[in-house]
Amino acid sequence: MYTFTIACPPNIRELPKWQSSSRCQRELSECSLYLNDYLLGKKHFTETKFREYPPKKSTLISMNPNELGIREHISRHDISNAMNFVNPFYLSKKKLHRILYIYSNYIKNSFYDMMNFLMETFMDAATKYGIPEEYQIKCWEECKRGLLADYKIINRYFQMRFNNLTKHKILLGASLHYFLFFHTPCYYNYVRKSANRWTTFLKEKIKNYES
């Protein structure tokens, strides 16, 4: 059996912590580091831990999976399981499309999780900082529009790569393994940059707020 594991880029430095005396500023800074750990797939930072932090859902706004076109929850484990049954020397069009469908949903799910995590961490910190709900919602909606714009760019890039792969006359399972091995670190990098940029944006909104 051909074992497949989604690889993450090695030796990428953690995002620097912001220098701030405020507990709320520190929490948003740590949010960036938590996201970095999650996206790099470090062993001590599992998807379960990611989904359990922060401990409570925001009562102000809820993210809708339909905004990213999510049809089902997909984890890295699901992709690995599907790839374990791929013959390295032969790959049918049907199986290729199925795995690319799973992978596409994984991209949507992980970006959605990142947005949810960022939203809840921001609102938790902003509430402790005494920022009113109306301003929190306004800040998040602006951030959300930017995140969704980033997602469209990322998704368009991968859809182009998917289409190029399906046009190959000869399909090898090994080619699909290589495709995912090469493009998954690229995806993590794109999402990490988006998460870091918009975490900085939200941090500044809290820092510069005037009642």
N, C-alpha and C. Protein backbone atom coordinates (compact mmCIF):
# COMPACT_ATOMS: atom_id res chain seq x y z
N MET A 1 0.85 -1.20 0.00
CA MET A 1 0.00 0.00 0.00
C MET A 1 0.88 1.24 0.00
N TYR A 2 0.53 2.21 -0.81
CA TYR A 2 1.31 3.43 -0.98
C TYR A 2 0.84 4.45 0.05
N THR A 3 1.65 4.72 1.06
CA THR A 3 1.25 5.62 2.14
C THR A 3 1.52 7.07 1.78
N PHE A 4 0.56 7.90 2.04
CA PHE A 4 0.68 9.32 1.72
C PHE A 4 0.45 10.16 2.97
N THR A 5 1.31 11.12 3.18
CA THR A 5 1.14 12.06 4.28
C THR A 5 1.31 13.47 3.73
N ILE A 6 0.39 14.34 4.06
CA ILE A 6 0.51 15.72 3.60
C ILE A 6 1.68 16.37 4.30
N ALA A 7 2.60 16.85 3.51
CA ALA A 7 3.80 17.44 4.07
C ALA A 7 3.62 18.92 4.31
N CYS A 8 4.35 19.44 5.30
CA CYS A 8 4.33 20.87 5.58
C CYS A 8 5.74 21.40 5.39
N PRO A 9 5.89 22.65 5.00
CA PRO A 9 7.22 23.20 4.73
C PRO A 9 8.08 23.23 5.98
N PRO A 10 9.30 22.71 5.92
CA PRO A 10 10.17 22.68 7.10
C PRO A 10 10.87 24.01 7.33
N ASN A 11 11.30 24.20 8.57
CA ASN A 11 12.17 25.32 8.93
C ASN A 11 11.61 26.69 8.59
N ILE A 12 10.32 26.86 8.74
CA ILE A 12 9.74 28.18 8.56
C ILE A 12 9.65 28.83 9.93
N ARG A 13 10.20 30.02 10.05
CA ARG A 13 10.24 30.69 11.35
C ARG A 13 8.85 31.07 11.82
N GLU A 14 8.66 31.02 13.13
CA GLU A 14 7.38 31.44 13.69
C GLU A 14 7.23 32.94 13.50
N LEU A 15 6.01 33.38 13.38
CA LEU A 15 5.74 34.80 13.24
C LEU A 15 6.13 35.51 14.53
N PRO A 16 6.77 36.67 14.44
CA PRO A 16 7.22 37.38 15.65
C PRO A 16 6.06 37.84 16.51
N LYS A 17 6.24 37.80 17.82
CA LYS A 17 5.22 38.29 18.74
C LYS A 17 5.23 39.82 18.74
N TRP A 18 4.05 40.40 18.77
CA TRP A 18 3.96 41.84 18.86
C TRP A 18 4.34 42.29 20.27
N GLN A 19 5.01 43.42 20.35
CA GLN A 19 5.39 43.96 21.65
C GLN A 19 4.25 44.83 22.18
N SER A 20 3.63 44.43 23.27
CA SER A 20 2.52 45.19 23.84
C SER A 20 2.36 44.84 25.30
N SER A 21 1.96 45.82 26.09
CA SER A 21 1.76 45.58 27.51
C SER A 21 0.36 45.11 27.82
N SER A 22 -0.55 45.26 26.90
CA SER A 22 -1.95 44.90 27.12
C SER A 22 -2.16 43.41 26.96
N ARG A 23 -2.97 42.84 27.86
CA ARG A 23 -3.29 41.42 27.77
C ARG A 23 -4.03 41.11 26.48
N CYS A 24 -4.95 42.00 26.08
CA CYS A 24 -5.73 41.78 24.86
C CYS A 24 -4.84 41.83 23.62
N GLN A 25 -3.88 42.76 23.61
CA GLN A 25 -2.96 42.82 22.48
C GLN A 25 -2.13 41.53 22.42
N ARG A 26 -1.74 41.03 23.58
CA ARG A 26 -0.95 39.81 23.63
C ARG A 26 -1.75 38.63 23.11
N GLU A 27 -3.05 38.58 23.43
CA GLU A 27 -3.89 37.47 22.97
C GLU A 27 -4.01 37.46 21.46
N LEU A 28 -4.15 38.63 20.83
CA LEU A 28 -4.21 38.66 19.37
C LEU A 28 -2.87 38.29 18.78
N SER A 29 -1.78 38.67 19.45
CA SER A 29 -0.46 38.29 18.97
C SER A 29 -0.32 36.77 19.01
N GLU A 30 -0.76 36.18 20.12
CA GLU A 30 -0.68 34.73 20.27
C GLU A 30 -1.57 34.04 19.24
N CYS A 31 -2.66 34.70 18.86
CA CYS A 31 -3.54 34.14 17.83
C CYS A 31 -2.75 33.89 16.56
N SER A 32 -1.88 34.85 16.19
CA SER A 32 -1.07 34.70 14.99
C SER A 32 -0.14 33.50 15.12
N LEU A 33 0.43 33.32 16.30
CA LEU A 33 1.33 32.19 16.51
C LEU A 33 0.58 30.87 16.52
N TYR A 34 -0.62 30.84 17.12
CA TYR A 34 -1.43 29.63 17.11
C TYR A 34 -1.79 29.24 15.68
N LEU A 35 -2.17 30.24 14.88
CA LEU A 35 -2.51 29.97 13.49
C LEU A 35 -1.30 29.43 12.75
N ASN A 36 -0.14 30.01 13.05
CA ASN A 36 1.08 29.56 12.39
C ASN A 36 1.37 28.10 12.73
N ASP A 37 1.24 27.74 14.01
CA ASP A 37 1.44 26.35 14.41
C ASP A 37 0.47 25.43 13.70
N TYR A 38 -0.79 25.84 13.64
CA TYR A 38 -1.82 25.01 13.01
C TYR A 38 -1.53 24.80 11.53
N LEU A 39 -1.22 25.89 10.83
CA LEU A 39 -1.02 25.80 9.39
C LEU A 39 0.25 25.04 9.04
N LEU A 40 1.23 25.06 9.93
CA LEU A 40 2.44 24.30 9.69
C LEU A 40 2.29 22.84 10.08
N GLY A 41 1.15 22.51 10.70
CA GLY A 41 0.88 21.11 11.02
C GLY A 41 1.78 20.54 12.09
N LYS A 42 2.20 21.35 13.05
CA LYS A 42 3.08 20.84 14.10
C LYS A 42 2.37 19.78 14.92
N LYS A 43 3.11 18.77 15.34
CA LYS A 43 2.51 17.61 16.00
C LYS A 43 1.79 18.00 17.30
N HIS A 44 2.32 18.99 18.02
CA HIS A 44 1.72 19.32 19.32
C HIS A 44 0.50 20.21 19.16
N PHE A 45 0.19 20.61 17.94
CA PHE A 45 -0.96 21.50 17.72
C PHE A 45 -1.89 20.83 16.74
N THR A 46 -2.86 20.09 17.24
CA THR A 46 -3.73 19.29 16.40
C THR A 46 -4.94 20.07 15.94
N GLU A 47 -5.66 19.53 14.96
CA GLU A 47 -6.87 20.18 14.48
C GLU A 47 -7.91 20.25 15.59
N THR A 48 -7.94 19.25 16.47
CA THR A 48 -8.90 19.25 17.57
C THR A 48 -8.64 20.43 18.49
N LYS A 49 -7.37 20.66 18.81
CA LYS A 49 -7.03 21.79 19.68
C LYS A 49 -7.42 23.10 19.01
N PHE A 50 -7.20 23.17 17.70
CA PHE A 50 -7.56 24.38 16.95
C PHE A 50 -9.03 24.66 17.06
N ARG A 51 -9.87 23.63 16.95
CA ARG A 51 -11.31 23.81 16.97
C ARG A 51 -11.83 24.12 18.37
N GLU A 52 -11.07 23.80 19.40
CA GLU A 52 -11.54 24.02 20.76
C GLU A 52 -11.08 25.36 21.33
N TYR A 53 -10.34 26.16 20.55
CA TYR A 53 -9.86 27.44 21.07
C TYR A 53 -10.33 28.56 20.19
N PRO A 54 -10.92 29.62 20.70
CA PRO A 54 -11.30 29.87 22.08
C PRO A 54 -12.44 28.95 22.54
N PRO A 55 -12.67 28.84 23.86
CA PRO A 55 -13.61 27.84 24.38
C PRO A 55 -15.08 28.09 24.09
N LYS A 56 -15.45 29.30 23.70
CA LYS A 56 -16.87 29.54 23.45
C LYS A 56 -17.08 30.25 22.12
N LYS A 57 -18.24 30.01 21.50
CA LYS A 57 -18.58 30.64 20.23
C LYS A 57 -19.03 32.08 20.47
N SER A 58 -18.74 32.94 19.50
CA SER A 58 -19.20 34.31 19.59
C SER A 58 -20.71 34.36 19.45
N THR A 59 -21.35 35.21 20.26
CA THR A 59 -22.81 35.36 20.16
C THR A 59 -23.17 36.52 19.24
N LEU A 60 -22.16 37.24 18.75
CA LEU A 60 -22.42 38.41 17.92
C LEU A 60 -22.56 38.05 16.44
N ILE A 61 -21.64 37.27 15.96
CA ILE A 61 -21.61 36.91 14.54
C ILE A 61 -21.28 35.43 14.43
N SER A 62 -21.81 34.78 13.45
CA SER A 62 -21.43 33.40 13.19
C SER A 62 -21.02 33.26 11.73
N MET A 63 -19.96 32.52 11.50
CA MET A 63 -19.49 32.28 10.14
C MET A 63 -20.38 31.23 9.49
N ASN A 64 -20.70 31.43 8.23
CA ASN A 64 -21.52 30.49 7.47
C ASN A 64 -20.65 29.71 6.50
N PRO A 65 -20.58 28.37 6.64
CA PRO A 65 -19.75 27.58 5.72
C PRO A 65 -20.12 27.79 4.26
N ASN A 66 -21.37 28.14 3.97
CA ASN A 66 -21.80 28.33 2.58
C ASN A 66 -21.09 29.50 1.91
N GLU A 67 -20.55 30.40 2.71
CA GLU A 67 -19.85 31.55 2.14
C GLU A 67 -18.60 31.12 1.39
N LEU A 68 -18.07 29.97 1.74
CA LEU A 68 -16.91 29.43 1.04
C LEU A 68 -17.29 28.22 0.19
N GLY A 69 -18.57 27.94 0.11
CA GLY A 69 -19.02 26.81 -0.70
C GLY A 69 -18.71 25.46 -0.09
N ILE A 70 -18.65 25.38 1.24
CA ILE A 70 -18.31 24.13 1.92
C ILE A 70 -19.51 23.19 1.93
N ARG A 71 -19.33 21.98 1.44
CA ARG A 71 -20.42 20.99 1.41
C ARG A 71 -20.26 19.92 2.48
N GLU A 72 -19.04 19.66 2.91
CA GLU A 72 -18.81 18.66 3.95
C GLU A 72 -17.48 18.95 4.62
N HIS A 73 -17.36 18.48 5.88
CA HIS A 73 -16.11 18.71 6.60
C HIS A 73 -15.05 17.71 6.14
N ILE A 74 -13.90 18.24 5.77
CA ILE A 74 -12.78 17.41 5.31
C ILE A 74 -11.55 17.78 6.12
N SER A 75 -10.83 16.77 6.61
CA SER A 75 -9.59 17.01 7.34
C SER A 75 -8.42 16.45 6.54
N ARG A 76 -7.21 16.73 7.00
CA ARG A 76 -6.02 16.18 6.35
C ARG A 76 -6.03 14.66 6.42
N HIS A 77 -6.60 14.14 7.49
CA HIS A 77 -6.69 12.69 7.65
C HIS A 77 -7.53 12.07 6.54
N ASP A 78 -8.60 12.74 6.15
CA ASP A 78 -9.46 12.23 5.07
C ASP A 78 -8.70 12.16 3.75
N ILE A 79 -7.89 13.17 3.48
CA ILE A 79 -7.10 13.16 2.24
C ILE A 79 -6.08 12.04 2.27
N SER A 80 -5.41 11.89 3.40
CA SER A 80 -4.41 10.82 3.53
C SER A 80 -5.04 9.45 3.33
N ASN A 81 -6.22 9.24 3.90
CA ASN A 81 -6.92 7.96 3.73
C ASN A 81 -7.24 7.70 2.27
N ALA A 82 -7.73 8.73 1.57
CA ALA A 82 -8.08 8.57 0.16
C ALA A 82 -6.84 8.26 -0.67
N MET A 83 -5.73 8.91 -0.36
CA MET A 83 -4.50 8.72 -1.13
C MET A 83 -3.85 7.37 -0.87
N ASN A 84 -4.12 6.77 0.27
CA ASN A 84 -3.54 5.47 0.58
C ASN A 84 -4.02 4.37 -0.36
N PHE A 85 -5.13 4.60 -1.05
CA PHE A 85 -5.68 3.60 -1.96
C PHE A 85 -5.41 3.94 -3.42
N VAL A 86 -4.50 4.88 -3.65
CA VAL A 86 -4.16 5.26 -5.03
C VAL A 86 -2.97 4.44 -5.51
N ASN A 87 -3.14 3.78 -6.63
CA ASN A 87 -2.06 3.02 -7.25
C ASN A 87 -1.06 4.01 -7.86
N PRO A 88 0.23 3.92 -7.49
CA PRO A 88 1.20 4.89 -8.01
C PRO A 88 1.40 4.82 -9.51
N PHE A 89 1.00 3.68 -10.14
CA PHE A 89 1.24 3.50 -11.57
C PHE A 89 0.00 3.68 -12.43
N TYR A 90 -1.15 3.85 -11.79
CA TYR A 90 -2.38 4.04 -12.56
C TYR A 90 -3.38 4.86 -11.75
N LEU A 91 -4.06 5.76 -12.44
CA LEU A 91 -5.06 6.59 -11.78
C LEU A 91 -6.19 6.88 -12.76
N SER A 92 -7.38 6.46 -12.41
CA SER A 92 -8.53 6.71 -13.28
C SER A 92 -8.99 8.16 -13.15
N LYS A 93 -9.64 8.64 -14.20
CA LYS A 93 -10.17 10.01 -14.18
C LYS A 93 -11.17 10.18 -13.04
N LYS A 94 -11.98 9.15 -12.83
CA LYS A 94 -13.01 9.22 -11.79
C LYS A 94 -12.38 9.40 -10.41
N LYS A 95 -11.34 8.60 -10.12
CA LYS A 95 -10.70 8.70 -8.81
C LYS A 95 -9.95 10.02 -8.68
N LEU A 96 -9.35 10.49 -9.77
CA LEU A 96 -8.65 11.77 -9.73
C LEU A 96 -9.60 12.90 -9.36
N HIS A 97 -10.75 12.93 -10.04
CA HIS A 97 -11.72 13.99 -9.76
C HIS A 97 -12.25 13.89 -8.33
N ARG A 98 -12.42 12.67 -7.83
CA ARG A 98 -12.90 12.48 -6.47
C ARG A 98 -11.90 13.03 -5.46
N ILE A 99 -10.62 12.73 -5.65
CA ILE A 99 -9.60 13.18 -4.70
C ILE A 99 -9.42 14.70 -4.79
N LEU A 100 -9.48 15.25 -6.00
CA LEU A 100 -9.38 16.69 -6.14
C LEU A 100 -10.58 17.40 -5.51
N TYR A 101 -11.73 16.74 -5.58
CA TYR A 101 -12.92 17.28 -4.92
C TYR A 101 -12.71 17.31 -3.40
N ILE A 102 -12.17 16.22 -2.86
CA ILE A 102 -11.90 16.15 -1.42
C ILE A 102 -10.88 17.21 -1.03
N TYR A 103 -9.83 17.34 -1.85
CA TYR A 103 -8.78 18.30 -1.54
C TYR A 103 -9.30 19.73 -1.61
N SER A 104 -10.15 20.01 -2.60
CA SER A 104 -10.75 21.34 -2.73
C SER A 104 -11.58 21.68 -1.50
N ASN A 105 -12.33 20.70 -1.00
CA ASN A 105 -13.13 20.93 0.21
C ASN A 105 -12.24 21.09 1.44
N TYR A 106 -11.11 20.40 1.45
CA TYR A 106 -10.16 20.56 2.56
C TYR A 106 -9.64 21.99 2.60
N ILE A 107 -9.31 22.54 1.43
CA ILE A 107 -8.84 23.93 1.36
C ILE A 107 -9.89 24.88 1.92
N LYS A 108 -11.14 24.66 1.52
CA LYS A 108 -12.23 25.51 2.00
C LYS A 108 -12.41 25.38 3.51
N ASN A 109 -12.37 24.14 4.00
CA ASN A 109 -12.57 23.89 5.43
C ASN A 109 -11.48 24.54 6.27
N SER A 110 -10.23 24.40 5.86
CA SER A 110 -9.14 24.93 6.67
C SER A 110 -9.15 26.45 6.67
N PHE A 111 -9.52 27.06 5.53
CA PHE A 111 -9.60 28.52 5.49
C PHE A 111 -10.77 29.00 6.35
N TYR A 112 -11.87 28.27 6.30
CA TYR A 112 -13.04 28.60 7.13
C TYR A 112 -12.69 28.50 8.61
N ASP A 113 -11.97 27.46 9.00
CA ASP A 113 -11.55 27.30 10.39
C ASP A 113 -10.67 28.47 10.83
N MET A 114 -9.76 28.87 9.94
CA MET A 114 -8.88 29.99 10.25
C MET A 114 -9.69 31.27 10.48
N MET A 115 -10.68 31.52 9.63
CA MET A 115 -11.52 32.71 9.76
C MET A 115 -12.32 32.67 11.07
N ASN A 116 -12.88 31.51 11.38
CA ASN A 116 -13.64 31.36 12.62
C ASN A 116 -12.76 31.63 13.84
N PHE A 117 -11.59 31.06 13.81
CA PHE A 117 -10.65 31.20 14.92
C PHE A 117 -10.25 32.67 15.10
N LEU A 118 -9.96 33.33 13.99
CA LEU A 118 -9.55 34.73 14.04
C LEU A 118 -10.69 35.61 14.55
N MET A 119 -11.91 35.34 14.07
CA MET A 119 -13.07 36.11 14.49
C MET A 119 -13.30 36.00 16.00
N GLU A 120 -13.29 34.78 16.51
CA GLU A 120 -13.59 34.57 17.92
C GLU A 120 -12.48 35.13 18.82
N THR A 121 -11.23 34.99 18.38
CA THR A 121 -10.13 35.52 19.18
C THR A 121 -10.19 37.04 19.23
N PHE A 122 -10.50 37.67 18.08
CA PHE A 122 -10.62 39.13 18.04
C PHE A 122 -11.75 39.61 18.95
N MET A 123 -12.91 38.98 18.85
CA MET A 123 -14.06 39.45 19.63
C MET A 123 -13.86 39.21 21.13
N ASP A 124 -13.19 38.13 21.46
CA ASP A 124 -12.90 37.87 22.87
C ASP A 124 -11.97 38.94 23.42
N ALA A 125 -10.91 39.28 22.64
CA ALA A 125 -9.96 40.30 23.08
C ALA A 125 -10.60 41.68 23.10
N ALA A 126 -11.40 41.99 22.07
CA ALA A 126 -12.04 43.31 21.99
C ALA A 126 -13.02 43.53 23.13
N THR A 127 -13.74 42.48 23.50
CA THR A 127 -14.70 42.58 24.60
C THR A 127 -13.97 42.87 25.92
N LYS A 128 -12.86 42.18 26.15
CA LYS A 128 -12.08 42.42 27.36
C LYS A 128 -11.49 43.83 27.37
N TYR A 129 -11.30 44.38 26.19
CA TYR A 129 -10.73 45.72 26.05
C TYR A 129 -11.80 46.80 26.18
N GLY A 130 -13.08 46.37 26.31
CA GLY A 130 -14.17 47.31 26.49
C GLY A 130 -14.70 47.93 25.22
N ILE A 131 -14.45 47.30 24.08
CA ILE A 131 -14.91 47.83 22.79
C ILE A 131 -16.34 47.38 22.55
N PRO A 132 -17.25 48.30 22.19
CA PRO A 132 -18.67 47.95 22.01
C PRO A 132 -18.91 46.98 20.85
N GLU A 133 -20.02 46.27 20.93
CA GLU A 133 -20.35 45.24 19.95
C GLU A 133 -20.45 45.80 18.53
N GLU A 134 -21.06 46.98 18.40
CA GLU A 134 -21.26 47.56 17.07
C GLU A 134 -19.92 47.78 16.36
N TYR A 135 -18.94 48.26 17.10
CA TYR A 135 -17.63 48.50 16.51
C TYR A 135 -16.92 47.19 16.20
N GLN A 136 -17.08 46.20 17.07
CA GLN A 136 -16.50 44.88 16.80
C GLN A 136 -17.03 44.31 15.49
N ILE A 137 -18.35 44.40 15.32
CA ILE A 137 -18.98 43.85 14.11
C ILE A 137 -18.49 44.59 12.87
N LYS A 138 -18.39 45.91 12.97
CA LYS A 138 -17.92 46.72 11.85
C LYS A 138 -16.50 46.32 11.46
N CYS A 139 -15.63 46.16 12.45
CA CYS A 139 -14.24 45.76 12.19
C CYS A 139 -14.17 44.38 11.56
N TRP A 140 -14.96 43.44 12.12
CA TRP A 140 -14.91 42.09 11.61
C TRP A 140 -15.44 42.00 10.18
N GLU A 141 -16.51 42.73 9.87
CA GLU A 141 -17.06 42.69 8.52
C GLU A 141 -16.05 43.19 7.50
N GLU A 142 -15.29 44.21 7.87
CA GLU A 142 -14.24 44.71 6.97
C GLU A 142 -13.14 43.67 6.80
N CYS A 143 -12.76 43.05 7.91
CA CYS A 143 -11.74 42.00 7.88
C CYS A 143 -12.23 40.80 7.07
N LYS A 144 -13.48 40.44 7.27
CA LYS A 144 -14.06 39.29 6.59
C LYS A 144 -14.06 39.48 5.07
N ARG A 145 -14.40 40.69 4.61
CA ARG A 145 -14.38 40.96 3.17
C ARG A 145 -12.98 40.77 2.61
N GLY A 146 -11.98 41.21 3.37
CA GLY A 146 -10.61 41.04 2.92
C GLY A 146 -10.19 39.58 2.89
N LEU A 147 -10.59 38.83 3.91
CA LEU A 147 -10.26 37.40 3.97
C LEU A 147 -10.91 36.64 2.82
N LEU A 148 -12.18 36.94 2.53
CA LEU A 148 -12.87 36.26 1.44
C LEU A 148 -12.24 36.61 0.10
N ALA A 149 -11.76 37.84 -0.05
CA ALA A 149 -11.06 38.23 -1.28
C ALA A 149 -9.76 37.43 -1.41
N ASP A 150 -9.05 37.27 -0.29
CA ASP A 150 -7.83 36.45 -0.30
C ASP A 150 -8.16 35.01 -0.68
N TYR A 151 -9.25 34.50 -0.11
CA TYR A 151 -9.63 33.11 -0.41
C TYR A 151 -9.92 32.92 -1.89
N LYS A 152 -10.60 33.87 -2.50
CA LYS A 152 -10.92 33.75 -3.93
C LYS A 152 -9.66 33.66 -4.77
N ILE A 153 -8.65 34.43 -4.39
CA ILE A 153 -7.37 34.38 -5.12
C ILE A 153 -6.72 33.02 -4.94
N ILE A 154 -6.69 32.53 -3.69
CA ILE A 154 -6.09 31.22 -3.42
C ILE A 154 -6.85 30.12 -4.15
N ASN A 155 -8.17 30.16 -4.07
CA ASN A 155 -8.99 29.13 -4.71
C ASN A 155 -8.82 29.14 -6.22
N ARG A 156 -8.76 30.34 -6.81
CA ARG A 156 -8.58 30.44 -8.26
C ARG A 156 -7.25 29.81 -8.69
N TYR A 157 -6.22 30.05 -7.90
CA TYR A 157 -4.90 29.48 -8.20
C TYR A 157 -4.96 27.96 -8.22
N PHE A 158 -5.58 27.38 -7.20
CA PHE A 158 -5.62 25.92 -7.12
C PHE A 158 -6.57 25.31 -8.14
N GLN A 159 -7.65 25.99 -8.47
CA GLN A 159 -8.54 25.47 -9.50
C GLN A 159 -7.83 25.41 -10.85
N MET A 160 -6.99 26.39 -11.14
CA MET A 160 -6.20 26.37 -12.37
C MET A 160 -5.25 25.18 -12.37
N ARG A 161 -4.62 24.93 -11.23
CA ARG A 161 -3.69 23.79 -11.14
C ARG A 161 -4.45 22.47 -11.26
N PHE A 162 -5.63 22.39 -10.66
CA PHE A 162 -6.44 21.18 -10.76
C PHE A 162 -6.80 20.92 -12.22
N ASN A 163 -7.24 21.95 -12.92
CA ASN A 163 -7.64 21.80 -14.32
C ASN A 163 -6.47 21.33 -15.18
N ASN A 164 -5.29 21.87 -14.92
CA ASN A 164 -4.11 21.45 -15.69
C ASN A 164 -3.81 19.98 -15.45
N LEU A 165 -3.97 19.53 -14.21
CA LEU A 165 -3.69 18.13 -13.90
C LEU A 165 -4.67 17.19 -14.59
N THR A 166 -5.93 17.56 -14.66
CA THR A 166 -6.94 16.69 -15.27
C THR A 166 -6.80 16.61 -16.79
N LYS A 167 -6.04 17.51 -17.39
CA LYS A 167 -5.86 17.51 -18.84
C LYS A 167 -4.78 16.53 -19.30
N HIS A 168 -4.02 15.97 -18.35
CA HIS A 168 -2.97 15.03 -18.72
C HIS A 168 -3.57 13.78 -19.38
N LYS A 169 -2.99 13.35 -20.48
CA LYS A 169 -3.50 12.17 -21.18
C LYS A 169 -3.20 10.89 -20.41
N ILE A 170 -2.02 10.85 -19.79
CA ILE A 170 -1.63 9.68 -19.00
C ILE A 170 -1.61 10.08 -17.53
N LEU A 171 -2.43 9.40 -16.74
CA LEU A 171 -2.53 9.73 -15.32
C LEU A 171 -1.84 8.67 -14.46
N LEU A 172 -0.90 9.11 -13.66
CA LEU A 172 -0.21 8.22 -12.72
C LEU A 172 -0.54 8.65 -11.30
N GLY A 173 -0.72 7.65 -10.44
CA GLY A 173 -0.97 7.96 -9.04
C GLY A 173 0.19 8.73 -8.44
N ALA A 174 1.41 8.40 -8.88
CA ALA A 174 2.59 9.08 -8.37
C ALA A 174 2.57 10.57 -8.71
N SER A 175 1.99 10.91 -9.86
CA SER A 175 1.89 12.32 -10.26
C SER A 175 0.98 13.08 -9.31
N LEU A 176 -0.10 12.44 -8.88
CA LEU A 176 -1.01 13.09 -7.95
C LEU A 176 -0.35 13.26 -6.58
N HIS A 177 0.40 12.24 -6.16
CA HIS A 177 1.14 12.34 -4.90
C HIS A 177 2.08 13.54 -4.95
N TYR A 178 2.79 13.65 -6.06
CA TYR A 178 3.75 14.76 -6.20
C TYR A 178 3.02 16.09 -6.22
N PHE A 179 1.89 16.14 -6.91
CA PHE A 179 1.10 17.36 -7.01
C PHE A 179 0.70 17.86 -5.62
N LEU A 180 0.16 16.98 -4.79
CA LEU A 180 -0.28 17.38 -3.45
C LEU A 180 0.92 17.69 -2.55
N PHE A 181 1.99 16.91 -2.71
CA PHE A 181 3.19 17.14 -1.91
C PHE A 181 3.77 18.52 -2.19
N PHE A 182 3.72 18.94 -3.46
CA PHE A 182 4.30 20.22 -3.86
C PHE A 182 3.38 21.40 -3.52
N HIS A 183 2.08 21.25 -3.76
CA HIS A 183 1.17 22.38 -3.64
C HIS A 183 0.65 22.62 -2.21
N THR A 184 0.63 21.58 -1.37
CA THR A 184 0.11 21.78 -0.02
C THR A 184 0.94 22.79 0.78
N PRO A 185 2.28 22.72 0.76
CA PRO A 185 3.05 23.76 1.46
C PRO A 185 2.78 25.16 0.90
N CYS A 186 2.56 25.25 -0.41
CA CYS A 186 2.23 26.55 -1.01
C CYS A 186 0.92 27.07 -0.43
N TYR A 187 -0.04 26.17 -0.29
CA TYR A 187 -1.34 26.57 0.25
C TYR A 187 -1.19 27.07 1.69
N TYR A 188 -0.47 26.30 2.51
CA TYR A 188 -0.26 26.71 3.90
C TYR A 188 0.38 28.10 3.97
N ASN A 189 1.32 28.35 3.07
CA ASN A 189 2.02 29.63 3.07
C ASN A 189 1.07 30.77 2.72
N TYR A 190 0.22 30.57 1.70
CA TYR A 190 -0.74 31.61 1.31
C TYR A 190 -1.71 31.92 2.47
N VAL A 191 -2.22 30.88 3.10
CA VAL A 191 -3.19 31.09 4.18
C VAL A 191 -2.52 31.73 5.39
N ARG A 192 -1.31 31.33 5.67
CA ARG A 192 -0.59 31.91 6.81
C ARG A 192 -0.38 33.41 6.59
N LYS A 193 -0.02 33.79 5.37
CA LYS A 193 0.18 35.21 5.07
C LYS A 193 -1.12 35.99 5.23
N SER A 194 -2.22 35.41 4.75
CA SER A 194 -3.52 36.07 4.88
C SER A 194 -3.90 36.21 6.35
N ALA A 195 -3.71 35.13 7.12
CA ALA A 195 -4.05 35.16 8.55
C ALA A 195 -3.21 36.19 9.29
N ASN A 196 -1.94 36.25 8.97
CA ASN A 196 -1.05 37.19 9.65
C ASN A 196 -1.41 38.64 9.31
N ARG A 197 -1.72 38.89 8.03
CA ARG A 197 -2.07 40.25 7.61
C ARG A 197 -3.33 40.75 8.30
N TRP A 198 -4.35 39.90 8.37
CA TRP A 198 -5.62 40.34 8.95
C TRP A 198 -5.62 40.29 10.47
N THR A 199 -4.75 39.49 11.06
CA THR A 199 -4.57 39.55 12.51
C THR A 199 -3.96 40.90 12.88
N THR A 200 -2.99 41.35 12.08
CA THR A 200 -2.39 42.66 12.31
C THR A 200 -3.44 43.76 12.16
N PHE A 201 -4.30 43.63 11.17
CA PHE A 201 -5.37 44.61 10.95
C PHE A 201 -6.27 44.71 12.18
N LEU A 202 -6.69 43.56 12.72
CA LEU A 202 -7.58 43.57 13.88
C LEU A 202 -6.88 44.08 15.13
N LYS A 203 -5.61 43.74 15.26
CA LYS A 203 -4.83 44.24 16.40
C LYS A 203 -4.79 45.77 16.39
N GLU A 204 -4.59 46.33 15.20
CA GLU A 204 -4.53 47.79 15.08
C GLU A 204 -5.88 48.42 15.39
N LYS A 205 -6.97 47.75 15.02
CA LYS A 205 -8.30 48.27 15.31
C LYS A 205 -8.52 48.39 16.82
N ILE A 206 -8.06 47.38 17.56
CA ILE A 206 -8.18 47.43 19.02
C ILE A 206 -7.25 48.50 19.59
N LYS A 207 -6.04 48.52 19.10
CA LYS A 207 -5.03 49.45 19.62
C LYS A 207 -5.44 50.91 19.41
N ASN A 208 -6.05 51.20 18.26
CA ASN A 208 -6.37 52.59 17.90
C ASN A 208 -7.79 53.01 18.26
N TYR A 209 -8.53 52.11 18.90
CA TYR A 209 -9.93 52.45 19.23
C TYR A 209 -9.99 53.57 20.26
N GLU A 210 -10.90 54.52 20.00
CA GLU A 210 -11.13 55.61 20.93
C GLU A 210 -12.62 55.65 21.26
N SER A 211 -12.95 55.52 22.53
CA SER A 211 -14.35 55.50 22.95
C SER A 211 -14.99 56.89 22.84
